[in-house]
Amino acid sequence: MFSLTLGDKQQPLRRVLCLGAHCDDIEIGCGGTLLRLQEQNSRLEFYWMVFSSTPSRKREAVKSARLFLKSAAASHVVIKNFRDSYFPFEGARIKDSFELLKKSFAPDLIFTHYRDDLHQDHRLICELTWNSFRDHLILEYEIPKYDGDLGSPNFFVGLPESLCRQKIHHVLSCFRSQRGKQWFTEDTFRATLRLRGIESNMPERYAEGFYCRKLCF
């Protein structure tokens, strides 16, 4: 397995854009990776954008983003309120948000939803990510769900046990409104991390998996 480092002295990784359809998507999909990036680089600037929320879920999302971005050099968190599960019908307005976003933030790395995610809101965010950002490194994260749409990632980030515990604790403690869902449990999140760790043969035993469509080396 060939290992890569994101950024170097000539072109350091500085600005990271995190996009999520719903309030807990970013944390579930790439929360461990965000924590690891901050451990390795104290100068990172994050733009964190969630597209669907309610007032109560927004409070949860803001609290969670602050925890996950605690070690960032700078961060900007935006929580919007587009109607959950209706994104394809809100497409023009969401597209307008992307147009404003790309004028205000120039990322080096983007985290977004998986292109083949079976949730229609997730897919639209991914489509508009690629439509809006044409010359960027984009990593698509995955969300476990009833639909059973987990695929075969081709990009993995290894995570030590300590960061796995931190990620899972932040997600479960912040998003109390989701505790009634049968899949929203510690073993779900740990199992996904362990499975990707097996697939990538990570020495840390755990990993988050991503889909990297284009990578220029």
N, C-alpha and C. Protein backbone atom coordinates (compact mmCIF):
# COMPACT_ATOMS: atom_id res chain seq x y z
N MET A 1 0.86 -1.19 0.00
CA MET A 1 0.00 0.00 0.00
C MET A 1 0.89 1.24 0.00
N PHE A 2 0.66 2.16 -0.91
CA PHE A 2 1.48 3.37 -1.03
C PHE A 2 0.88 4.47 -0.18
N SER A 3 1.70 5.13 0.63
CA SER A 3 1.23 6.17 1.53
C SER A 3 1.48 7.55 0.92
N LEU A 4 0.51 8.44 1.12
CA LEU A 4 0.61 9.81 0.63
C LEU A 4 0.49 10.79 1.79
N THR A 5 1.12 11.95 1.63
CA THR A 5 0.97 13.04 2.58
C THR A 5 0.25 14.18 1.87
N LEU A 6 -0.78 14.72 2.49
CA LEU A 6 -1.53 15.82 1.89
C LEU A 6 -0.80 17.13 2.14
N GLY A 7 -0.25 17.70 1.07
CA GLY A 7 0.49 18.94 1.19
C GLY A 7 1.96 18.72 1.44
N ASP A 8 2.77 19.70 1.08
CA ASP A 8 4.21 19.66 1.34
C ASP A 8 4.70 21.09 1.58
N LYS A 9 6.02 21.29 1.69
CA LYS A 9 6.57 22.61 1.97
C LYS A 9 6.30 23.59 0.84
N GLN A 10 6.32 23.09 -0.40
CA GLN A 10 6.09 23.97 -1.54
C GLN A 10 4.61 24.34 -1.68
N GLN A 11 3.74 23.38 -1.36
CA GLN A 11 2.29 23.62 -1.49
C GLN A 11 1.58 23.02 -0.28
N PRO A 12 1.66 23.71 0.86
CA PRO A 12 1.10 23.14 2.10
C PRO A 12 -0.42 23.12 2.08
N LEU A 13 -0.96 22.17 2.82
CA LEU A 13 -2.41 22.09 3.00
C LEU A 13 -2.81 23.15 4.02
N ARG A 14 -3.68 24.07 3.62
CA ARG A 14 -4.05 25.16 4.52
C ARG A 14 -5.56 25.28 4.71
N ARG A 15 -6.33 25.15 3.63
CA ARG A 15 -7.77 25.42 3.69
C ARG A 15 -8.58 24.17 3.34
N VAL A 16 -9.49 23.81 4.24
CA VAL A 16 -10.28 22.59 4.08
C VAL A 16 -11.76 22.95 4.10
N LEU A 17 -12.49 22.47 3.09
CA LEU A 17 -13.93 22.70 2.99
C LEU A 17 -14.66 21.41 3.32
N CYS A 18 -15.59 21.48 4.27
CA CYS A 18 -16.38 20.32 4.69
C CYS A 18 -17.85 20.58 4.37
N LEU A 19 -18.44 19.71 3.57
CA LEU A 19 -19.82 19.88 3.13
C LEU A 19 -20.68 18.70 3.59
N GLY A 20 -21.84 19.01 4.15
CA GLY A 20 -22.75 17.96 4.59
C GLY A 20 -24.19 18.35 4.37
N ALA A 21 -24.99 17.41 3.92
CA ALA A 21 -26.40 17.68 3.70
C ALA A 21 -27.13 17.90 5.03
N HIS A 22 -26.78 17.09 6.02
CA HIS A 22 -27.48 17.12 7.32
C HIS A 22 -26.49 17.35 8.45
N CYS A 23 -27.00 17.63 9.62
CA CYS A 23 -26.19 18.14 10.72
C CYS A 23 -25.11 17.19 11.22
N ASP A 24 -25.27 15.89 11.08
CA ASP A 24 -24.25 14.97 11.58
C ASP A 24 -23.45 14.29 10.48
N ASP A 25 -23.68 14.64 9.23
CA ASP A 25 -23.05 13.93 8.12
C ASP A 25 -21.54 14.09 8.09
N ILE A 26 -21.06 15.30 8.26
CA ILE A 26 -19.61 15.55 8.20
C ILE A 26 -18.90 14.76 9.29
N GLU A 27 -19.45 14.82 10.49
CA GLU A 27 -18.82 14.15 11.63
C GLU A 27 -18.76 12.64 11.42
N ILE A 28 -19.87 12.05 10.97
CA ILE A 28 -19.91 10.61 10.75
C ILE A 28 -19.00 10.20 9.60
N GLY A 29 -19.03 11.00 8.52
CA GLY A 29 -18.29 10.63 7.33
C GLY A 29 -16.79 10.84 7.40
N CYS A 30 -16.36 11.94 8.02
CA CYS A 30 -14.92 12.24 8.00
C CYS A 30 -14.42 12.86 9.29
N GLY A 31 -15.16 12.72 10.38
CA GLY A 31 -14.78 13.35 11.64
C GLY A 31 -13.41 12.94 12.15
N GLY A 32 -13.10 11.64 12.05
CA GLY A 32 -11.80 11.17 12.51
C GLY A 32 -10.66 11.73 11.69
N THR A 33 -10.87 11.83 10.38
CA THR A 33 -9.86 12.39 9.50
C THR A 33 -9.61 13.87 9.81
N LEU A 34 -10.67 14.61 10.11
CA LEU A 34 -10.51 16.02 10.46
C LEU A 34 -9.70 16.17 11.74
N LEU A 35 -9.96 15.30 12.71
CA LEU A 35 -9.19 15.35 13.95
C LEU A 35 -7.72 15.02 13.70
N ARG A 36 -7.47 14.05 12.84
CA ARG A 36 -6.09 13.67 12.55
C ARG A 36 -5.35 14.77 11.79
N LEU A 37 -6.02 15.38 10.85
CA LEU A 37 -5.39 16.48 10.10
C LEU A 37 -4.95 17.61 11.03
N GLN A 38 -5.79 17.90 12.02
CA GLN A 38 -5.44 18.97 12.95
C GLN A 38 -4.30 18.57 13.87
N GLU A 39 -4.20 17.29 14.19
CA GLU A 39 -3.06 16.83 14.98
C GLU A 39 -1.75 17.05 14.24
N GLN A 40 -1.80 16.86 12.93
CA GLN A 40 -0.59 16.93 12.11
C GLN A 40 -0.28 18.35 11.62
N ASN A 41 -1.28 19.22 11.63
CA ASN A 41 -1.09 20.56 11.08
C ASN A 41 -1.91 21.56 11.89
N SER A 42 -1.25 22.41 12.63
CA SER A 42 -1.93 23.36 13.52
C SER A 42 -2.35 24.64 12.80
N ARG A 43 -2.07 24.74 11.50
CA ARG A 43 -2.36 25.98 10.77
C ARG A 43 -3.55 25.84 9.82
N LEU A 44 -4.34 24.83 9.97
CA LEU A 44 -5.45 24.58 9.05
C LEU A 44 -6.63 25.53 9.29
N GLU A 45 -7.22 25.97 8.21
CA GLU A 45 -8.43 26.79 8.24
C GLU A 45 -9.58 25.98 7.64
N PHE A 46 -10.71 25.95 8.33
CA PHE A 46 -11.84 25.14 7.90
C PHE A 46 -13.05 26.00 7.58
N TYR A 47 -13.74 25.61 6.52
CA TYR A 47 -15.06 26.15 6.21
C TYR A 47 -16.01 24.96 6.28
N TRP A 48 -16.98 25.03 7.19
CA TRP A 48 -17.86 23.90 7.53
C TRP A 48 -19.29 24.30 7.19
N MET A 49 -19.89 23.61 6.21
CA MET A 49 -21.20 24.03 5.73
C MET A 49 -22.18 22.87 5.73
N VAL A 50 -23.29 23.06 6.44
CA VAL A 50 -24.37 22.08 6.51
C VAL A 50 -25.60 22.71 5.86
N PHE A 51 -26.32 21.94 5.06
CA PHE A 51 -27.37 22.52 4.23
C PHE A 51 -28.79 22.35 4.78
N SER A 52 -29.03 21.41 5.67
CA SER A 52 -30.37 21.20 6.21
C SER A 52 -30.34 21.14 7.72
N SER A 53 -31.27 21.84 8.36
CA SER A 53 -31.29 21.85 9.82
C SER A 53 -32.63 22.38 10.33
N THR A 54 -32.85 22.15 11.61
CA THR A 54 -33.94 22.77 12.36
C THR A 54 -33.27 23.55 13.49
N PRO A 55 -33.98 24.41 14.19
CA PRO A 55 -33.33 25.16 15.28
C PRO A 55 -32.65 24.27 16.31
N SER A 56 -33.31 23.19 16.72
CA SER A 56 -32.70 22.31 17.73
C SER A 56 -31.50 21.57 17.18
N ARG A 57 -31.59 21.10 15.95
CA ARG A 57 -30.47 20.40 15.34
C ARG A 57 -29.32 21.35 15.04
N LYS A 58 -29.63 22.60 14.76
CA LYS A 58 -28.56 23.57 14.53
C LYS A 58 -27.72 23.76 15.78
N ARG A 59 -28.36 23.79 16.93
CA ARG A 59 -27.61 23.93 18.18
C ARG A 59 -26.67 22.74 18.37
N GLU A 60 -27.17 21.55 18.05
CA GLU A 60 -26.32 20.35 18.14
C GLU A 60 -25.15 20.45 17.16
N ALA A 61 -25.44 20.89 15.95
CA ALA A 61 -24.41 20.95 14.91
C ALA A 61 -23.32 21.96 15.25
N VAL A 62 -23.70 23.10 15.77
CA VAL A 62 -22.72 24.12 16.14
C VAL A 62 -21.82 23.60 17.26
N LYS A 63 -22.42 22.96 18.25
CA LYS A 63 -21.65 22.40 19.35
C LYS A 63 -20.67 21.36 18.84
N SER A 64 -21.14 20.49 17.94
CA SER A 64 -20.29 19.44 17.40
C SER A 64 -19.14 20.02 16.57
N ALA A 65 -19.44 20.97 15.70
CA ALA A 65 -18.40 21.57 14.86
C ALA A 65 -17.31 22.19 15.73
N ARG A 66 -17.70 22.83 16.81
CA ARG A 66 -16.71 23.46 17.69
C ARG A 66 -15.78 22.41 18.30
N LEU A 67 -16.34 21.25 18.65
CA LEU A 67 -15.51 20.18 19.21
C LEU A 67 -14.56 19.60 18.16
N PHE A 68 -15.08 19.33 16.99
CA PHE A 68 -14.25 18.73 15.95
C PHE A 68 -13.21 19.71 15.40
N LEU A 69 -13.47 20.99 15.49
CA LEU A 69 -12.54 21.99 14.96
C LEU A 69 -11.80 22.73 16.07
N LYS A 70 -11.74 22.14 17.23
CA LYS A 70 -11.17 22.79 18.40
C LYS A 70 -9.72 23.20 18.20
N SER A 71 -8.97 22.42 17.43
CA SER A 71 -7.54 22.68 17.25
C SER A 71 -7.23 23.41 15.95
N ALA A 72 -8.25 23.84 15.24
CA ALA A 72 -8.03 24.53 13.97
C ALA A 72 -7.50 25.94 14.20
N ALA A 73 -6.71 26.43 13.26
CA ALA A 73 -6.21 27.79 13.34
C ALA A 73 -7.34 28.79 13.14
N ALA A 74 -8.30 28.43 12.29
CA ALA A 74 -9.47 29.28 12.03
C ALA A 74 -10.59 28.40 11.50
N SER A 75 -11.82 28.80 11.75
CA SER A 75 -12.95 28.03 11.26
C SER A 75 -14.16 28.93 11.06
N HIS A 76 -14.96 28.56 10.09
CA HIS A 76 -16.20 29.28 9.80
C HIS A 76 -17.29 28.23 9.61
N VAL A 77 -18.30 28.27 10.44
CA VAL A 77 -19.37 27.27 10.43
C VAL A 77 -20.66 27.91 9.93
N VAL A 78 -21.25 27.32 8.90
CA VAL A 78 -22.50 27.81 8.32
C VAL A 78 -23.52 26.67 8.35
N ILE A 79 -24.68 26.94 8.95
CA ILE A 79 -25.76 25.95 9.01
C ILE A 79 -26.98 26.53 8.31
N LYS A 80 -27.38 25.91 7.22
CA LYS A 80 -28.54 26.38 6.46
C LYS A 80 -29.77 25.53 6.78
N ASN A 81 -30.91 25.93 6.24
CA ASN A 81 -32.16 25.26 6.61
C ASN A 81 -32.99 24.82 5.40
N PHE A 82 -32.32 24.31 4.37
CA PHE A 82 -33.06 23.74 3.26
C PHE A 82 -33.84 22.52 3.74
N ARG A 83 -34.97 22.26 3.10
CA ARG A 83 -35.90 21.23 3.58
C ARG A 83 -35.31 19.82 3.42
N ASP A 84 -35.22 19.11 4.52
CA ASP A 84 -34.69 17.76 4.55
C ASP A 84 -35.47 16.85 3.61
N SER A 85 -34.74 16.06 2.82
CA SER A 85 -35.29 15.06 1.89
C SER A 85 -35.91 15.66 0.63
N TYR A 86 -35.81 16.97 0.46
CA TYR A 86 -36.38 17.65 -0.71
C TYR A 86 -35.32 18.38 -1.54
N PHE A 87 -34.06 18.03 -1.35
CA PHE A 87 -33.00 18.79 -2.02
C PHE A 87 -33.14 18.84 -3.54
N PRO A 88 -33.52 17.73 -4.21
CA PRO A 88 -33.64 17.82 -5.68
C PRO A 88 -34.64 18.88 -6.14
N PHE A 89 -35.63 19.16 -5.29
CA PHE A 89 -36.64 20.16 -5.64
C PHE A 89 -36.24 21.56 -5.19
N GLU A 90 -35.16 21.64 -4.39
CA GLU A 90 -34.61 22.92 -3.94
C GLU A 90 -33.32 23.23 -4.69
N GLY A 91 -33.07 22.50 -5.76
CA GLY A 91 -31.77 22.53 -6.41
C GLY A 91 -31.26 23.90 -6.80
N ALA A 92 -32.11 24.74 -7.35
CA ALA A 92 -31.67 26.06 -7.80
C ALA A 92 -31.16 26.91 -6.64
N ARG A 93 -31.88 26.88 -5.53
CA ARG A 93 -31.48 27.67 -4.36
C ARG A 93 -30.19 27.12 -3.74
N ILE A 94 -30.06 25.80 -3.72
CA ILE A 94 -28.84 25.21 -3.18
C ILE A 94 -27.66 25.52 -4.09
N LYS A 95 -27.91 25.49 -5.39
CA LYS A 95 -26.87 25.85 -6.35
C LYS A 95 -26.40 27.30 -6.12
N ASP A 96 -27.32 28.20 -5.82
CA ASP A 96 -26.95 29.58 -5.51
C ASP A 96 -26.01 29.64 -4.32
N SER A 97 -26.25 28.80 -3.32
CA SER A 97 -25.37 28.77 -2.15
C SER A 97 -23.97 28.34 -2.53
N PHE A 98 -23.87 27.38 -3.43
CA PHE A 98 -22.55 26.94 -3.90
C PHE A 98 -21.84 28.05 -4.66
N GLU A 99 -22.59 28.78 -5.45
CA GLU A 99 -21.97 29.86 -6.22
C GLU A 99 -21.39 30.93 -5.29
N LEU A 100 -22.10 31.24 -4.22
CA LEU A 100 -21.58 32.20 -3.25
C LEU A 100 -20.39 31.62 -2.50
N LEU A 101 -20.47 30.34 -2.18
CA LEU A 101 -19.41 29.69 -1.43
C LEU A 101 -18.08 29.72 -2.18
N LYS A 102 -18.11 29.37 -3.46
CA LYS A 102 -16.85 29.27 -4.19
C LYS A 102 -16.21 30.64 -4.43
N LYS A 103 -16.98 31.72 -4.26
CA LYS A 103 -16.42 33.06 -4.37
C LYS A 103 -15.79 33.52 -3.05
N SER A 104 -16.18 32.89 -1.96
CA SER A 104 -15.73 33.36 -0.65
C SER A 104 -14.66 32.48 -0.01
N PHE A 105 -14.47 31.26 -0.54
CA PHE A 105 -13.49 30.35 0.09
C PHE A 105 -12.82 29.52 -1.00
N ALA A 106 -11.49 29.51 -0.98
CA ALA A 106 -10.72 28.75 -1.97
C ALA A 106 -10.03 27.58 -1.26
N PRO A 107 -10.63 26.41 -1.28
CA PRO A 107 -10.09 25.28 -0.52
C PRO A 107 -8.95 24.56 -1.22
N ASP A 108 -8.09 23.93 -0.43
CA ASP A 108 -7.08 23.02 -0.95
C ASP A 108 -7.61 21.60 -0.98
N LEU A 109 -8.53 21.30 -0.08
CA LEU A 109 -9.09 19.95 0.07
C LEU A 109 -10.57 20.07 0.39
N ILE A 110 -11.38 19.21 -0.22
CA ILE A 110 -12.83 19.25 -0.01
C ILE A 110 -13.32 17.87 0.42
N PHE A 111 -14.14 17.84 1.46
CA PHE A 111 -14.85 16.63 1.87
C PHE A 111 -16.33 16.80 1.53
N THR A 112 -16.88 15.83 0.83
CA THR A 112 -18.30 15.89 0.46
C THR A 112 -18.88 14.49 0.45
N HIS A 113 -20.15 14.38 0.10
CA HIS A 113 -20.82 13.09 0.08
C HIS A 113 -20.37 12.22 -1.10
N TYR A 114 -20.60 10.93 -0.96
CA TYR A 114 -20.30 9.91 -1.96
C TYR A 114 -21.27 10.03 -3.14
N ARG A 115 -20.74 10.01 -4.34
CA ARG A 115 -21.54 10.19 -5.55
C ARG A 115 -22.68 9.17 -5.68
N ASP A 116 -22.47 7.94 -5.24
CA ASP A 116 -23.47 6.88 -5.38
C ASP A 116 -24.27 6.64 -4.10
N ASP A 117 -24.27 7.61 -3.20
CA ASP A 117 -25.09 7.53 -1.99
C ASP A 117 -26.56 7.47 -2.39
N LEU A 118 -27.33 6.59 -1.76
CA LEU A 118 -28.73 6.42 -2.13
C LEU A 118 -29.67 7.46 -1.52
N HIS A 119 -29.15 8.33 -0.68
CA HIS A 119 -29.98 9.42 -0.15
C HIS A 119 -29.92 10.57 -1.14
N GLN A 120 -31.07 11.02 -1.60
CA GLN A 120 -31.12 12.04 -2.66
C GLN A 120 -30.48 13.35 -2.24
N ASP A 121 -30.58 13.74 -0.98
CA ASP A 121 -29.95 14.97 -0.51
C ASP A 121 -28.43 14.87 -0.61
N HIS A 122 -27.89 13.71 -0.21
CA HIS A 122 -26.45 13.50 -0.25
C HIS A 122 -25.93 13.57 -1.69
N ARG A 123 -26.64 12.91 -2.59
CA ARG A 123 -26.20 12.89 -3.99
C ARG A 123 -26.15 14.29 -4.59
N LEU A 124 -27.15 15.11 -4.28
CA LEU A 124 -27.18 16.45 -4.86
C LEU A 124 -26.01 17.29 -4.38
N ILE A 125 -25.68 17.17 -3.09
CA ILE A 125 -24.54 17.93 -2.57
C ILE A 125 -23.25 17.49 -3.27
N CYS A 126 -23.10 16.20 -3.51
CA CYS A 126 -21.93 15.73 -4.23
C CYS A 126 -21.89 16.27 -5.65
N GLU A 127 -23.01 16.21 -6.34
CA GLU A 127 -23.07 16.70 -7.73
C GLU A 127 -22.71 18.17 -7.82
N LEU A 128 -23.23 18.97 -6.91
CA LEU A 128 -22.94 20.40 -6.94
C LEU A 128 -21.51 20.71 -6.49
N THR A 129 -20.94 19.83 -5.67
CA THR A 129 -19.53 20.00 -5.30
C THR A 129 -18.65 19.90 -6.53
N TRP A 130 -18.86 18.85 -7.30
CA TRP A 130 -18.05 18.66 -8.51
C TRP A 130 -18.38 19.71 -9.58
N ASN A 131 -19.60 20.16 -9.61
CA ASN A 131 -20.00 21.19 -10.56
C ASN A 131 -19.36 22.54 -10.25
N SER A 132 -19.15 22.79 -8.96
CA SER A 132 -18.66 24.11 -8.52
C SER A 132 -17.15 24.18 -8.40
N PHE A 133 -16.52 23.07 -8.02
CA PHE A 133 -15.07 23.07 -7.78
C PHE A 133 -14.41 22.14 -8.79
N ARG A 134 -13.75 22.72 -9.78
CA ARG A 134 -13.27 21.97 -10.94
C ARG A 134 -11.79 21.63 -10.89
N ASP A 135 -11.06 22.20 -9.95
CA ASP A 135 -9.61 21.99 -9.92
C ASP A 135 -9.15 21.77 -8.49
N HIS A 136 -9.82 20.85 -7.80
CA HIS A 136 -9.56 20.65 -6.39
C HIS A 136 -9.49 19.16 -6.07
N LEU A 137 -8.81 18.85 -4.97
CA LEU A 137 -8.81 17.48 -4.46
C LEU A 137 -10.10 17.28 -3.67
N ILE A 138 -10.95 16.37 -4.13
CA ILE A 138 -12.25 16.11 -3.50
C ILE A 138 -12.27 14.67 -2.99
N LEU A 139 -12.55 14.51 -1.72
CA LEU A 139 -12.71 13.19 -1.11
C LEU A 139 -14.16 13.02 -0.71
N GLU A 140 -14.79 11.96 -1.22
CA GLU A 140 -16.19 11.69 -0.94
C GLU A 140 -16.29 10.69 0.22
N TYR A 141 -16.99 11.08 1.27
CA TYR A 141 -17.13 10.21 2.44
C TYR A 141 -18.41 9.40 2.38
N GLU A 142 -18.53 8.43 3.26
CA GLU A 142 -19.66 7.51 3.26
C GLU A 142 -20.43 7.59 4.58
N ILE A 143 -21.73 7.30 4.48
CA ILE A 143 -22.61 7.30 5.65
C ILE A 143 -23.34 5.95 5.71
N PRO A 144 -23.15 5.16 6.77
CA PRO A 144 -23.89 3.89 6.88
C PRO A 144 -25.38 4.16 7.08
N LYS A 145 -26.21 3.36 6.43
CA LYS A 145 -27.65 3.58 6.53
C LYS A 145 -28.43 2.34 6.13
N TYR A 146 -29.74 2.39 6.30
CA TYR A 146 -30.65 1.29 5.98
C TYR A 146 -30.54 0.86 4.52
N ASP A 147 -30.32 1.81 3.63
CA ASP A 147 -30.31 1.54 2.19
C ASP A 147 -29.20 0.58 1.76
N GLY A 148 -28.17 0.42 2.58
CA GLY A 148 -27.11 -0.51 2.25
C GLY A 148 -26.31 -0.11 1.03
N ASP A 149 -25.82 1.12 1.00
CA ASP A 149 -25.13 1.63 -0.18
C ASP A 149 -23.62 1.76 0.01
N LEU A 150 -23.06 1.12 1.03
CA LEU A 150 -21.62 1.19 1.22
C LEU A 150 -20.91 0.48 0.06
N GLY A 151 -19.91 1.12 -0.50
CA GLY A 151 -19.20 0.56 -1.63
C GLY A 151 -17.78 0.14 -1.28
N SER A 152 -16.86 0.34 -2.22
CA SER A 152 -15.46 -0.03 -2.03
C SER A 152 -14.58 1.21 -2.17
N PRO A 153 -14.27 1.90 -1.07
CA PRO A 153 -13.46 3.11 -1.14
C PRO A 153 -12.07 2.81 -1.68
N ASN A 154 -11.44 3.83 -2.24
CA ASN A 154 -10.09 3.66 -2.76
C ASN A 154 -9.07 4.59 -2.10
N PHE A 155 -9.50 5.30 -1.06
CA PHE A 155 -8.62 6.23 -0.34
C PHE A 155 -8.93 6.06 1.15
N PHE A 156 -7.90 5.78 1.93
CA PHE A 156 -8.12 5.49 3.35
C PHE A 156 -7.24 6.37 4.24
N VAL A 157 -7.79 6.75 5.37
CA VAL A 157 -7.04 7.51 6.38
C VAL A 157 -7.04 6.69 7.66
N GLY A 158 -5.87 6.25 8.08
CA GLY A 158 -5.76 5.46 9.29
C GLY A 158 -5.99 6.29 10.55
N LEU A 159 -6.64 5.68 11.53
CA LEU A 159 -6.96 6.38 12.77
C LEU A 159 -6.53 5.54 13.97
N PRO A 160 -5.81 6.13 14.92
CA PRO A 160 -5.50 5.41 16.15
C PRO A 160 -6.75 5.26 17.01
N GLU A 161 -6.69 4.35 17.93
CA GLU A 161 -7.82 4.09 18.82
C GLU A 161 -8.30 5.35 19.52
N SER A 162 -7.36 6.20 19.93
CA SER A 162 -7.72 7.41 20.67
C SER A 162 -8.61 8.34 19.84
N LEU A 163 -8.31 8.49 18.55
CA LEU A 163 -9.13 9.37 17.70
C LEU A 163 -10.47 8.72 17.37
N CYS A 164 -10.50 7.40 17.28
CA CYS A 164 -11.79 6.72 17.09
C CYS A 164 -12.71 6.98 18.27
N ARG A 165 -12.17 6.84 19.47
CA ARG A 165 -12.97 7.09 20.67
C ARG A 165 -13.44 8.53 20.72
N GLN A 166 -12.55 9.46 20.36
CA GLN A 166 -12.89 10.88 20.38
C GLN A 166 -13.99 11.18 19.38
N LYS A 167 -13.86 10.68 18.16
CA LYS A 167 -14.89 10.90 17.14
C LYS A 167 -16.24 10.38 17.61
N ILE A 168 -16.28 9.14 18.04
CA ILE A 168 -17.54 8.51 18.43
C ILE A 168 -18.16 9.23 19.62
N HIS A 169 -17.34 9.61 20.59
CA HIS A 169 -17.85 10.33 21.76
C HIS A 169 -18.48 11.66 21.35
N HIS A 170 -17.81 12.41 20.50
CA HIS A 170 -18.34 13.70 20.07
C HIS A 170 -19.69 13.53 19.35
N VAL A 171 -19.76 12.55 18.45
CA VAL A 171 -21.00 12.33 17.70
C VAL A 171 -22.16 11.95 18.62
N LEU A 172 -21.93 11.00 19.50
CA LEU A 172 -23.01 10.52 20.37
C LEU A 172 -23.41 11.56 21.42
N SER A 173 -22.46 12.33 21.91
CA SER A 173 -22.77 13.30 22.96
C SER A 173 -23.44 14.55 22.41
N CYS A 174 -23.13 14.93 21.17
CA CYS A 174 -23.67 16.16 20.61
C CYS A 174 -25.05 15.96 19.99
N PHE A 175 -25.25 14.86 19.30
CA PHE A 175 -26.49 14.67 18.55
C PHE A 175 -27.48 13.79 19.32
N ARG A 176 -27.93 14.32 20.43
CA ARG A 176 -28.85 13.58 21.29
C ARG A 176 -30.20 13.35 20.62
N SER A 177 -30.58 14.20 19.69
CA SER A 177 -31.86 14.05 19.00
C SER A 177 -31.91 12.79 18.13
N GLN A 178 -30.75 12.23 17.83
CA GLN A 178 -30.68 11.05 16.94
C GLN A 178 -30.59 9.73 17.70
N ARG A 179 -30.57 9.79 19.00
CA ARG A 179 -30.36 8.57 19.78
C ARG A 179 -31.47 7.54 19.63
N GLY A 180 -32.66 7.96 19.20
CA GLY A 180 -33.75 7.02 19.03
C GLY A 180 -33.62 6.16 17.78
N LYS A 181 -32.70 6.50 16.89
CA LYS A 181 -32.51 5.73 15.66
C LYS A 181 -31.68 4.48 15.97
N GLN A 182 -32.13 3.33 15.49
CA GLN A 182 -31.51 2.07 15.89
C GLN A 182 -30.06 1.92 15.39
N TRP A 183 -29.70 2.69 14.36
CA TRP A 183 -28.33 2.58 13.83
C TRP A 183 -27.38 3.57 14.47
N PHE A 184 -27.91 4.55 15.20
CA PHE A 184 -27.08 5.62 15.74
C PHE A 184 -26.46 5.17 17.06
N THR A 185 -25.48 4.28 16.97
CA THR A 185 -24.89 3.67 18.16
C THR A 185 -23.37 3.59 18.02
N GLU A 186 -22.71 3.40 19.13
CA GLU A 186 -21.25 3.30 19.13
C GLU A 186 -20.77 2.14 18.27
N ASP A 187 -21.45 0.99 18.36
CA ASP A 187 -20.95 -0.16 17.62
C ASP A 187 -21.07 0.02 16.11
N THR A 188 -22.06 0.78 15.65
CA THR A 188 -22.17 1.07 14.22
C THR A 188 -20.94 1.84 13.73
N PHE A 189 -20.61 2.90 14.43
CA PHE A 189 -19.50 3.74 14.01
C PHE A 189 -18.16 3.02 14.14
N ARG A 190 -17.99 2.27 15.22
CA ARG A 190 -16.73 1.54 15.42
C ARG A 190 -16.59 0.42 14.38
N ALA A 191 -17.69 -0.26 14.07
CA ALA A 191 -17.63 -1.35 13.09
C ALA A 191 -17.21 -0.83 11.71
N THR A 192 -17.75 0.33 11.32
CA THR A 192 -17.39 0.90 10.03
C THR A 192 -15.90 1.25 9.99
N LEU A 193 -15.40 1.84 11.06
CA LEU A 193 -13.99 2.19 11.14
C LEU A 193 -13.09 0.96 11.12
N ARG A 194 -13.52 -0.08 11.80
CA ARG A 194 -12.72 -1.33 11.83
C ARG A 194 -12.72 -2.01 10.47
N LEU A 195 -13.87 -2.04 9.81
CA LEU A 195 -13.96 -2.66 8.50
C LEU A 195 -13.01 -1.98 7.50
N ARG A 196 -13.02 -0.65 7.49
CA ARG A 196 -12.14 0.06 6.57
C ARG A 196 -10.67 -0.10 6.98
N GLY A 197 -10.43 -0.29 8.25
CA GLY A 197 -9.06 -0.58 8.70
C GLY A 197 -8.57 -1.92 8.19
N ILE A 198 -9.46 -2.91 8.18
CA ILE A 198 -9.12 -4.23 7.63
C ILE A 198 -8.84 -4.13 6.14
N GLU A 199 -9.71 -3.43 5.42
CA GLU A 199 -9.57 -3.33 3.97
C GLU A 199 -8.28 -2.63 3.54
N SER A 200 -7.83 -1.69 4.34
CA SER A 200 -6.63 -0.92 4.00
C SER A 200 -5.37 -1.46 4.68
N ASN A 201 -5.54 -2.49 5.51
CA ASN A 201 -4.41 -3.08 6.23
C ASN A 201 -3.65 -2.05 7.06
N MET A 202 -4.41 -1.16 7.69
CA MET A 202 -3.81 -0.10 8.48
C MET A 202 -3.18 -0.65 9.76
N PRO A 203 -1.96 -0.23 10.09
CA PRO A 203 -1.35 -0.68 11.34
C PRO A 203 -2.12 -0.21 12.57
N GLU A 204 -2.86 0.92 12.42
CA GLU A 204 -3.68 1.41 13.55
C GLU A 204 -4.96 0.60 13.74
N ARG A 205 -5.29 -0.26 12.76
CA ARG A 205 -6.45 -1.16 12.80
C ARG A 205 -7.75 -0.48 12.42
N TYR A 206 -7.82 0.84 12.44
CA TYR A 206 -9.04 1.56 12.12
C TYR A 206 -8.76 2.57 11.00
N ALA A 207 -9.80 2.88 10.24
CA ALA A 207 -9.63 3.86 9.16
C ALA A 207 -10.98 4.40 8.72
N GLU A 208 -10.95 5.58 8.12
CA GLU A 208 -12.11 6.10 7.39
C GLU A 208 -11.83 5.93 5.91
N GLY A 209 -12.88 5.53 5.17
CA GLY A 209 -12.73 5.29 3.75
C GLY A 209 -13.35 6.41 2.92
N PHE A 210 -12.71 6.74 1.80
CA PHE A 210 -13.18 7.80 0.92
C PHE A 210 -13.09 7.34 -0.53
N TYR A 211 -13.82 8.06 -1.37
CA TYR A 211 -13.76 7.82 -2.81
C TYR A 211 -13.06 9.01 -3.44
N CYS A 212 -11.91 8.75 -4.04
CA CYS A 212 -11.13 9.79 -4.69
C CYS A 212 -11.24 9.58 -6.21
N ARG A 213 -12.01 10.43 -6.87
CA ARG A 213 -12.26 10.26 -8.32
C ARG A 213 -11.07 10.71 -9.15
N LYS A 214 -10.39 11.78 -8.70
CA LYS A 214 -9.27 12.31 -9.47
C LYS A 214 -8.16 12.74 -8.51
N LEU A 215 -6.95 12.30 -8.81
CA LEU A 215 -5.80 12.66 -8.00
C LEU A 215 -4.61 12.88 -8.91
N CYS A 216 -4.06 14.09 -8.91
CA CYS A 216 -2.91 14.42 -9.74
C CYS A 216 -1.66 14.33 -8.88
N PHE A 217 -0.70 13.52 -9.31
CA PHE A 217 0.51 13.26 -8.53
C PHE A 217 1.72 13.80 -9.28
